[in-house]
């Protein structure tokens, strides 16, 4: 997902009511996914901005 370079890890994804814990790096996000990010607040904020822009 490309967020590891920011120091952020995707801990879980909920898609269509199904939770996937510790998704692998090849998992692609889809519109409507709810994600749980782990990292320090500043890095998470930057990751959020990137994700909201479609990056």
Protein backbone atom coordinates (compact mmCIF):
# COMPACT_ATOMS: atom_id res chain seq x y z
CA UNK A 1 0.00 0.00 0.00
CA UNK A 2 3.03 2.23 0.06
CA UNK A 3 2.50 3.73 3.51
CA UNK A 4 5.44 1.99 5.18
CA UNK A 5 7.80 4.65 3.82
CA UNK A 6 5.85 7.12 5.98
CA UNK A 7 6.26 4.98 9.09
CA UNK A 8 2.58 4.00 9.00
CA UNK A 9 1.17 0.48 9.00
CA UNK A 10 -2.30 -0.63 7.96
CA UNK A 11 -3.43 -2.75 10.89
CA UNK A 12 -6.84 -3.72 9.54
CA UNK A 13 -9.34 -3.12 6.76
CA UNK A 14 -13.10 -3.46 7.01
CA UNK A 15 -14.72 -4.03 3.63
CA UNK A 16 -18.43 -4.67 3.22
CA UNK A 17 -18.68 -5.60 6.89
CA UNK A 18 -15.80 -8.08 6.81
CA UNK A 19 -12.67 -7.29 8.82
CA UNK A 20 -9.25 -8.27 7.52
CA UNK A 21 -6.51 -8.00 10.16
CA UNK A 22 -2.90 -7.37 9.06
CA UNK A 23 -3.52 -7.18 5.31
CA UNK A 24 -0.53 -7.99 3.13
CA UNK A 25 1.32 -5.36 1.09
CA UNK A 26 -0.43 -6.40 -2.14
CA UNK A 27 -3.89 -5.58 -0.77
CA UNK A 28 -5.47 -2.73 -2.72
CA UNK A 29 -7.84 -0.30 -1.07
CA UNK A 30 -11.31 0.10 -2.53
CA UNK A 31 -13.82 2.92 -2.24
CA UNK A 32 -15.75 2.51 1.01
CA UNK A 33 -12.99 0.64 2.86
CA UNK A 34 -12.50 1.57 6.50
CA UNK A 35 -8.86 1.31 7.52
CA UNK A 36 -7.05 1.28 10.85
CA UNK A 37 -3.61 2.90 10.72
CA UNK A 38 -0.81 2.52 13.27
CA UNK A 39 1.97 5.05 13.66
CA UNK A 40 2.80 8.38 15.25
CA UNK A 41 0.12 11.08 14.91
CA UNK A 42 2.03 13.28 12.43
CA UNK A 43 2.77 10.34 10.12
CA UNK A 44 -0.84 9.15 10.29
CA UNK A 45 -2.07 12.65 9.41
CA UNK A 46 0.19 12.73 6.35
CA UNK A 47 -0.93 9.24 5.30
CA UNK A 48 -4.56 10.33 5.66
CA UNK A 49 -3.97 13.29 3.35
CA UNK A 50 -2.32 11.06 0.75
CA UNK A 51 -5.09 8.46 0.94
CA UNK A 52 -7.84 11.07 0.64
CA UNK A 53 -6.18 12.41 -2.51
CA UNK A 54 -6.24 8.92 -4.00
CA UNK A 55 -2.53 8.20 -3.49
